Amino acid sequence: MAQERAKQVASHTQEDVYEIPVIFHIVHSGDAVGQGNNISREQVIAQMIVLNQDFRRTNPDADDTPSLFKSVATDTKIQFKLAQRDVNGEIMEEPGIHRYEDRARDTWSHSEIQQVLKPTTIWDPNKYLNIWVVPLSNSNDFGYAQFPEQSGLSGVKPLPTDTPETDGVYVNVLNLGSNYTSVGTGFRLTFNYDRGRTLTHEVGHWLGLRHIWGDGGCGQDDFCEDTPTAGRNHDGLGDCSFPGPNTCSSDPRPDMFQNYMDYTNDVCMNLFTQDQKARMRIVLQNSPRRKEVLANANLVLKARQTQTLANTTQLFPNPGLNYTQLQINNELQGEVVVSITDLRGVVLQKNGITKVNKRLQFDLPIQSLPKGIYIVTIQMKHGSIRKRLVKK
């Protein structure tokens, strides 16, 4: 039932491209930028290239998908962008990157990340996909993602310890980035896991995907009909030859070890399927914080506030007689300067107000203005708009 619902919704929204703002929290203990665990911006850019290629099926190795699976391999029409604005609405000097220094620890355990690091450093999960890049104390731990809530899909249930304050993904610093993009090579990455597929895998979990073997034997399900039943993971598989293992005799298809939701070496991974796409899009449409991240994307992706103001501001009533009310309904905060000018550009009124809540209502007295047409300019720190006002 959940799969059918996912397919139906996907068929109606397949042309929509969802944009997700990303903030990378680079965790280090005092390294200079670009040194040690305080990785360079170029390494983050390399990772973003891979993440978007994998989710949009523009990955250079897409042609390596076996012909048996090419009919289900798909562009998820989900893409990721580095946040342009921080939690205060200010333009970031280093878009999408927050560098966090903690000299008390050289490495972090899972419990320390969940209980200390995330609650201390998380940016509003209603606006950002938070990704922590962390030196992990367990070298066998590549990363972890928090499952979504209330998606309406089967097989997705967060752990009791998962809260809004821990929402997001963390990745071992040795697995974040790629040595196989146009950005270059030489990044300090784990051999065989140096193509950026760890984050692709973990973001798949953040969007509601299970491992292709269902985290069990042949009787377990990943809730995607177009991924063959698998009895186990293929951890460390480096021979990408097709066909590979078939671990479940109940399914004549070989295991889809090429799927991003397996554990194979990065070089063997190259696809998401149509059912996986449907599940991820259902999550983005329904799950708390996931759907808000989409709705609020323009607030943190736009370098200017102009478009947000234009879409969320009105004058009412308009035409007006004694007054018109400026109504703004968005997440922007700060000083708002409102000016009324005539058609010659002469300023007739000017007011300054501070917006601290989502909704602002401010009455503009116009009873002393002659009948006619005026221009109302609404100015904030990084953008402005103009509205036409008619005085009756």
Protein backbone atom coordinates (compact mmCIF):
# COMPACT_ATOMS: atom_id res chain seq x y z
CA MET A 1 0.00 0.00 0.00
CA ALA A 2 2.72 2.45 0.93
CA GLN A 3 4.61 1.62 -2.26
CA GLU A 4 1.53 2.23 -4.39
CA ARG A 5 0.90 5.55 -2.66
CA ALA A 6 4.51 6.54 -3.29
CA LYS A 7 4.25 5.67 -6.99
CA GLN A 8 1.00 7.62 -7.41
CA VAL A 9 2.39 10.76 -5.85
CA ALA A 10 5.62 10.44 -7.80
CA SER A 11 3.69 10.28 -11.05
CA HIS A 12 2.09 13.64 -10.30
CA THR A 13 5.24 15.36 -9.10
CA GLN A 14 7.89 13.81 -11.30
CA GLU A 15 8.67 17.11 -13.00
CA ASP A 16 9.31 18.97 -9.73
CA VAL A 17 12.95 19.30 -8.74
CA TYR A 18 13.28 19.56 -4.96
CA GLU A 19 16.13 21.70 -3.62
CA ILE A 20 17.54 20.98 -0.17
CA PRO A 21 19.77 23.54 1.61
CA VAL A 22 22.82 21.97 3.25
CA ILE A 23 25.04 23.11 6.09
CA PHE A 24 28.27 21.20 6.75
CA HIS A 25 29.53 21.38 10.33
CA ILE A 26 33.28 20.79 10.05
CA VAL A 27 34.38 19.53 13.48
CA HIS A 28 38.02 19.84 14.50
CA SER A 29 40.23 20.43 17.54
CA GLY A 30 42.17 23.47 16.41
CA ASP A 31 43.51 22.61 12.96
CA ALA A 32 44.08 25.42 10.49
CA VAL A 33 41.58 25.64 7.63
CA GLY A 34 42.45 23.01 5.05
CA GLN A 35 44.62 21.05 7.46
CA GLY A 36 43.89 17.85 9.38
CA ASN A 37 40.22 17.48 10.26
CA ASN A 38 39.41 21.10 9.39
CA ILE A 39 38.94 20.13 5.77
CA SER A 40 39.09 22.58 2.89
CA ARG A 41 36.16 24.11 1.10
CA GLU A 42 37.35 22.30 -2.03
CA GLN A 43 36.81 18.95 -0.35
CA VAL A 44 33.24 19.96 0.51
CA ILE A 45 32.64 21.10 -3.07
CA ALA A 46 33.92 17.74 -4.36
CA GLN A 47 31.39 16.01 -2.11
CA MET A 48 28.55 18.25 -3.30
CA ILE A 49 29.38 17.43 -6.91
CA VAL A 50 29.09 13.71 -6.21
CA LEU A 51 25.93 14.06 -4.11
CA ASN A 52 24.11 15.93 -6.86
CA GLN A 53 25.41 13.68 -9.61
CA ASP A 54 24.22 10.59 -7.76
CA PHE A 55 20.75 11.93 -6.97
CA ARG A 56 20.24 13.40 -10.47
CA ARG A 57 21.77 10.38 -12.25
CA THR A 58 24.40 12.49 -13.96
CA ASN A 59 27.15 10.43 -12.33
CA PRO A 60 29.91 9.61 -14.83
CA ASP A 61 29.59 5.90 -14.03
CA ALA A 62 25.84 5.73 -14.77
CA ASP A 63 26.68 3.75 -17.91
CA ASP A 64 28.08 1.02 -15.67
CA THR A 65 24.57 0.14 -14.48
CA PRO A 66 23.82 -3.37 -15.83
CA SER A 67 21.23 -3.49 -18.61
CA LEU A 68 18.96 -5.58 -16.34
CA PHE A 69 18.65 -2.63 -13.96
CA LYS A 70 18.78 0.32 -16.35
CA SER A 71 15.01 0.39 -16.75
CA VAL A 72 14.54 1.12 -13.04
CA ALA A 73 17.57 3.39 -12.53
CA THR A 74 16.37 6.97 -12.26
CA ASP A 75 16.94 10.64 -11.66
CA THR A 76 15.35 11.33 -8.25
CA LYS A 77 14.94 15.02 -9.12
CA ILE A 78 16.30 15.92 -5.70
CA GLN A 79 19.30 18.19 -5.52
CA PHE A 80 21.34 19.86 -2.84
CA LYS A 81 22.70 23.38 -2.49
CA LEU A 82 25.04 24.98 -0.01
CA ALA A 83 23.20 27.37 2.29
CA GLN A 84 23.86 31.03 1.52
CA ARG A 85 22.47 32.42 4.78
CA ASP A 86 23.20 31.52 8.38
CA VAL A 87 20.73 31.09 11.25
CA ASN A 88 20.55 34.88 11.68
CA GLY A 89 19.71 35.47 8.04
CA GLU A 90 23.15 36.91 7.31
CA ILE A 91 25.05 36.10 4.13
CA MET A 92 27.74 33.51 4.88
CA GLU A 93 31.35 34.28 4.07
CA GLU A 94 31.85 30.56 3.41
CA PRO A 95 28.50 29.32 2.05
CA GLY A 96 27.30 26.02 3.44
CA ILE A 97 30.16 25.60 5.91
CA HIS A 98 30.22 26.07 9.68
CA ARG A 99 33.59 25.35 11.30
CA TYR A 100 33.32 24.14 14.89
CA GLU A 101 36.36 23.86 17.14
CA ASP A 102 36.40 21.68 20.25
CA ARG A 103 39.85 21.27 21.75
CA ALA A 104 38.54 18.89 24.43
CA ARG A 105 38.26 15.99 21.96
CA ASP A 106 40.35 14.69 19.09
CA THR A 107 37.73 12.08 18.16
CA TRP A 108 34.03 11.53 18.84
CA SER A 109 31.93 8.46 19.64
CA HIS A 110 28.38 7.98 18.44
CA SER A 111 26.93 8.77 21.86
CA GLU A 112 29.05 11.93 22.18
CA ILE A 113 27.86 13.11 18.80
CA GLN A 114 24.21 12.44 19.62
CA GLN A 115 24.24 13.77 23.17
CA VAL A 116 26.76 16.62 22.98
CA LEU A 117 27.83 17.68 19.51
CA LYS A 118 24.54 17.74 17.65
CA PRO A 119 22.40 19.56 20.26
CA THR A 120 25.19 22.12 20.69
CA THR A 121 25.76 22.90 17.04
CA ILE A 122 22.61 22.05 15.07
CA TRP A 123 21.14 24.72 12.81
CA ASP A 124 17.36 24.90 12.50
CA PRO A 125 16.42 21.49 11.02
CA ASN A 126 13.31 23.10 9.52
CA LYS A 127 15.61 25.07 7.21
CA TYR A 128 18.77 23.02 6.74
CA LEU A 129 19.95 19.47 6.17
CA ASN A 130 22.62 19.36 8.89
CA ILE A 131 25.70 17.31 8.00
CA TRP A 132 28.42 16.88 10.62
CA VAL A 133 31.90 15.98 9.35
CA VAL A 134 33.57 14.38 12.35
CA PRO A 135 36.76 12.50 13.29
CA LEU A 136 35.24 9.30 14.68
CA SER A 137 36.75 7.22 17.47
CA ASN A 138 35.49 4.02 15.80
CA SER A 139 37.40 3.71 12.54
CA ASN A 140 34.86 1.16 11.28
CA ASP A 141 32.05 3.72 11.58
CA PHE A 142 31.50 5.59 8.32
CA GLY A 143 28.40 7.58 9.24
CA TYR A 144 24.88 7.69 10.60
CA ALA A 145 21.60 9.27 9.48
CA GLN A 146 18.40 9.92 11.36
CA PHE A 147 15.30 8.37 9.82
CA PRO A 148 12.32 10.63 9.08
CA GLU A 149 9.12 10.62 11.13
CA GLN A 150 5.46 10.40 10.12
CA SER A 151 6.11 9.74 6.45
CA GLY A 152 3.21 7.33 6.06
CA LEU A 153 5.60 4.73 4.64
CA SER A 154 6.38 1.31 6.02
CA GLY A 155 9.81 0.43 7.37
CA VAL A 156 10.81 3.90 8.57
CA LYS A 157 10.99 4.46 12.30
CA PRO A 158 13.46 6.72 14.15
CA LEU A 159 15.23 5.41 17.22
CA PRO A 160 13.91 6.53 20.63
CA THR A 161 17.05 8.62 21.09
CA ASP A 162 16.47 10.49 17.81
CA THR A 163 14.99 13.94 18.41
CA PRO A 164 14.66 17.21 16.45
CA GLU A 165 17.90 18.31 18.14
CA THR A 166 19.78 15.37 16.60
CA ASP A 167 18.22 15.40 13.13
CA GLY A 168 20.61 15.12 10.23
CA VAL A 169 23.61 13.09 9.13
CA TYR A 170 27.12 12.64 10.41
CA VAL A 171 29.99 11.28 8.32
CA ASN A 172 33.52 10.25 9.20
CA VAL A 173 35.90 12.98 8.02
CA LEU A 174 37.86 10.24 6.21
CA ASN A 175 34.82 9.45 4.04
CA LEU A 176 33.61 12.96 3.13
CA GLY A 177 34.58 14.09 -0.35
CA SER A 178 35.95 12.52 -3.51
CA ASN A 179 39.27 12.22 -5.27
CA TYR A 180 37.48 11.69 -8.59
CA THR A 181 35.89 15.03 -9.54
CA SER A 182 36.98 18.11 -11.45
CA VAL A 183 37.99 19.70 -8.13
CA GLY A 184 41.08 17.53 -7.95
CA THR A 185 42.70 14.75 -5.98
CA GLY A 186 44.84 14.35 -2.90
CA PHE A 187 42.17 14.58 -0.22
CA ARG A 188 42.81 12.40 2.85
CA LEU A 189 40.17 9.69 2.34
CA THR A 190 39.74 6.00 3.12
CA PHE A 191 40.86 3.71 0.31
CA ASN A 192 37.91 2.23 -1.63
CA TYR A 193 35.56 4.77 -0.02
CA ASP A 194 37.05 7.87 -1.60
CA ARG A 195 34.39 8.68 -4.22
CA GLY A 196 31.82 10.38 -1.99
CA ARG A 197 29.26 7.58 -1.88
CA THR A 198 29.15 7.41 1.94
CA LEU A 199 27.18 10.67 2.08
CA THR A 200 24.95 9.59 -0.82
CA HIS A 201 24.12 6.45 1.19
CA GLU A 202 23.47 8.30 4.45
CA VAL A 203 21.31 10.99 2.85
CA GLY A 204 19.30 8.14 1.35
CA HIS A 205 18.57 7.03 4.93
CA TRP A 206 17.71 10.61 5.94
CA LEU A 207 15.13 10.51 3.15
CA GLY A 208 13.63 7.20 4.28
CA LEU A 209 15.50 4.49 2.40
CA ARG A 210 16.40 1.14 3.94
CA HIS A 211 19.41 -0.99 3.07
CA ILE A 212 18.70 -3.15 0.04
CA TRP A 213 18.91 -6.34 2.15
CA GLY A 214 16.33 -4.96 4.60
CA ASP A 215 18.82 -5.37 7.49
CA GLY A 216 17.96 -9.04 7.67
CA GLY A 217 17.79 -12.23 5.62
CA CYS A 218 15.79 -13.03 2.51
CA GLY A 219 12.56 -12.61 4.46
CA GLN A 220 13.30 -8.97 5.21
CA ASP A 221 12.13 -6.15 2.94
CA ASP A 222 13.53 -2.77 1.90
CA PHE A 223 9.97 -1.89 0.76
CA CYS A 224 11.07 -1.30 -2.83
CA GLU A 225 9.81 -3.86 -5.33
CA ASP A 226 12.33 -2.91 -8.00
CA THR A 227 15.36 -3.81 -5.85
CA PRO A 228 15.96 -7.59 -5.90
CA THR A 229 15.63 -9.46 -2.62
CA ALA A 230 19.02 -9.77 -0.93
CA GLY A 231 20.05 -11.93 1.99
CA ARG A 232 22.97 -9.81 3.20
CA ASN A 233 25.07 -6.76 2.47
CA HIS A 234 28.08 -6.79 0.16
CA ASP A 235 30.46 -4.99 2.44
CA GLY A 236 33.80 -4.40 0.78
CA LEU A 237 32.82 -5.88 -2.58
CA GLY A 238 35.26 -4.44 -5.09
CA ASP A 239 34.64 -6.75 -8.06
CA CYS A 240 31.89 -4.92 -9.93
CA SER A 241 31.47 -7.65 -12.53
CA PHE A 242 27.89 -8.50 -13.49
CA PRO A 243 26.14 -10.68 -12.57
CA GLY A 244 27.29 -10.70 -9.00
CA PRO A 245 26.01 -12.81 -6.10
CA ASN A 246 22.39 -13.94 -5.83
CA THR A 247 21.92 -14.47 -2.11
CA CYS A 248 18.18 -15.30 -2.26
CA SER A 249 17.00 -18.19 -4.43
CA SER A 250 13.43 -16.90 -4.12
CA ASP A 251 14.33 -14.03 -6.47
CA PRO A 252 15.79 -14.93 -9.87
CA ARG A 253 17.44 -11.53 -10.19
CA PRO A 254 21.01 -11.13 -8.93
CA ASP A 255 21.58 -8.82 -5.98
CA MET A 256 21.68 -5.13 -6.88
CA PHE A 257 25.03 -4.46 -5.27
CA GLN A 258 25.34 -1.40 -7.53
CA ASN A 259 22.69 0.37 -5.46
CA TYR A 260 23.78 3.26 -3.26
CA MET A 261 22.00 1.61 -0.31
CA ASP A 262 24.37 -1.39 -0.21
CA TYR A 263 27.81 -1.49 1.45
CA THR A 264 29.94 -2.14 -1.63
CA ASN A 265 33.06 -0.17 -2.45
CA ASP A 266 32.31 3.26 -3.87
CA VAL A 267 33.49 2.28 -7.35
CA CYS A 268 30.67 -0.29 -7.71
CA MET A 269 27.80 2.03 -6.74
CA ASN A 270 25.86 3.85 -9.46
CA LEU A 271 22.06 3.95 -9.03
CA PHE A 272 18.89 4.69 -7.14
CA THR A 273 15.67 3.04 -8.39
CA GLN A 274 12.24 4.38 -9.23
CA ASP A 275 10.69 2.96 -6.05
CA GLN A 276 13.47 4.48 -3.97
CA LYS A 277 12.83 7.82 -5.65
CA ALA A 278 9.14 7.55 -4.84
CA ARG A 279 9.83 6.86 -1.17
CA MET A 280 12.24 9.77 -0.84
CA ARG A 281 9.80 12.20 -2.43
CA ILE A 282 6.98 11.01 -0.17
CA VAL A 283 9.22 11.74 2.82
CA LEU A 284 9.96 15.24 1.54
CA GLN A 285 6.26 15.89 1.10
CA ASN A 286 5.08 14.56 4.46
CA SER A 287 7.72 14.20 7.16
CA PRO A 288 8.24 16.88 9.81
CA ARG A 289 11.35 18.98 9.18
CA ARG A 290 11.83 17.40 5.72
CA LYS A 291 8.82 19.19 4.24
CA GLU A 292 9.71 22.40 6.10
CA VAL A 293 13.24 22.30 4.70
CA LEU A 294 11.71 22.38 1.22
CA ALA A 295 9.23 25.13 2.11
CA ASN A 296 11.92 27.32 3.66
CA ALA A 297 14.63 26.68 1.08
CA ASN A 298 14.51 30.15 -0.45
CA LEU A 299 15.14 31.74 2.94
CA VAL A 300 18.62 30.27 3.18
CA LEU A 301 19.51 29.67 -0.48
CA LYS A 302 18.86 33.15 -1.84
CA ALA A 303 21.70 35.62 -1.61
CA ARG A 304 19.07 38.39 -1.63
CA GLN A 305 15.80 38.80 0.24
CA THR A 306 14.02 40.42 -2.68
CA GLN A 307 12.21 37.34 -3.99
CA THR A 308 11.09 36.28 -0.52
CA LEU A 309 9.72 39.76 0.15
CA ALA A 310 7.95 39.86 -3.20
CA ASN A 311 6.21 36.54 -2.57
CA THR A 312 5.11 37.26 1.01
CA THR A 313 4.21 40.97 1.15
CA GLN A 314 0.95 42.77 0.39
CA LEU A 315 -0.88 46.05 1.00
CA PHE A 316 -4.48 45.75 2.21
CA PRO A 317 -6.85 47.36 1.50
CA ASN A 318 -5.59 48.52 -1.85
CA PRO A 319 -7.15 50.82 -3.07
CA GLY A 320 -7.31 52.43 0.38
CA LEU A 321 -9.03 55.49 1.80
CA ASN A 322 -7.75 56.39 5.28
CA TYR A 323 -5.08 53.74 5.68
CA THR A 324 -3.53 50.68 4.09
CA GLN A 325 -1.90 47.90 6.05
CA LEU A 326 1.51 46.49 5.18
CA GLN A 327 1.36 42.72 5.72
CA ILE A 328 4.52 40.58 5.63
CA ASN A 329 4.40 36.86 6.36
CA ASN A 330 7.81 35.14 6.21
CA GLU A 331 10.77 34.07 8.33
CA LEU A 332 12.88 37.18 7.64
CA GLN A 333 13.76 39.35 10.62
CA GLY A 334 15.33 42.76 11.10
CA GLU A 335 14.79 46.42 10.29
CA VAL A 336 12.10 47.26 7.72
CA VAL A 337 12.04 50.72 6.15
CA VAL A 338 8.78 51.65 4.42
CA SER A 339 8.61 54.69 2.13
CA ILE A 340 5.70 56.17 0.16
CA THR A 341 6.60 58.28 -2.86
CA ASP A 342 4.60 59.94 -5.59
CA LEU A 343 5.17 59.14 -9.25
CA ARG A 344 7.84 61.86 -9.45
CA GLY A 345 9.87 60.08 -6.75
CA VAL A 346 9.19 62.59 -3.99
CA VAL A 347 9.19 60.89 -0.58
CA LEU A 348 5.94 61.64 1.25
CA GLN A 349 6.26 59.23 4.18
CA LYS A 350 9.03 57.15 5.68
CA ASN A 351 8.69 54.69 8.57
CA GLY A 352 11.14 52.34 10.26
CA ILE A 353 9.94 49.22 12.07
CA THR A 354 11.58 46.04 13.38
CA LYS A 355 10.31 42.63 12.31
CA VAL A 356 10.91 39.99 14.99
CA ASN A 357 8.10 37.51 14.30
CA LYS A 358 6.97 35.63 11.23
CA ARG A 359 3.98 37.92 10.67
CA LEU A 360 4.19 41.71 10.57
CA GLN A 361 1.19 44.05 10.23
CA PHE A 362 1.79 47.80 10.10
CA ASP A 363 -0.79 50.49 9.35
CA LEU A 364 0.23 53.21 6.93
CA PRO A 365 -1.89 56.38 7.32
CA ILE A 366 -2.84 57.78 3.91
CA GLN A 367 -5.86 59.95 4.72
CA SER A 368 -3.85 63.15 4.04
CA LEU A 369 -2.69 62.01 0.61
CA PRO A 370 -4.58 63.25 -2.46
CA LYS A 371 -6.36 60.70 -4.63
CA GLY A 372 -3.97 59.04 -7.00
CA ILE A 373 -1.28 56.40 -7.49
CA TYR A 374 1.74 56.05 -5.20
CA ILE A 375 4.74 53.75 -4.86
CA VAL A 376 5.43 51.95 -1.56
CA THR A 377 9.02 50.73 -1.16
CA ILE A 378 9.75 48.03 1.44
CA GLN A 379 13.45 47.81 2.23
CA MET A 380 15.30 45.21 4.34
CA LYS A 381 19.01 44.68 4.81
CA HIS A 382 19.65 42.59 1.71
CA GLY A 383 16.71 43.36 -0.56
CA SER A 384 13.82 45.65 -1.39
CA ILE A 385 10.56 45.59 -3.33
CA ARG A 386 8.08 48.17 -4.62
CA LYS A 387 4.29 47.96 -4.45
CA ARG A 388 1.73 50.10 -6.29
CA LEU A 389 -0.78 51.83 -3.97
CA VAL A 390 -4.02 53.46 -5.07
CA LYS A 391 -5.53 56.17 -2.81
CA LYS A 392 -9.29 56.54 -3.23
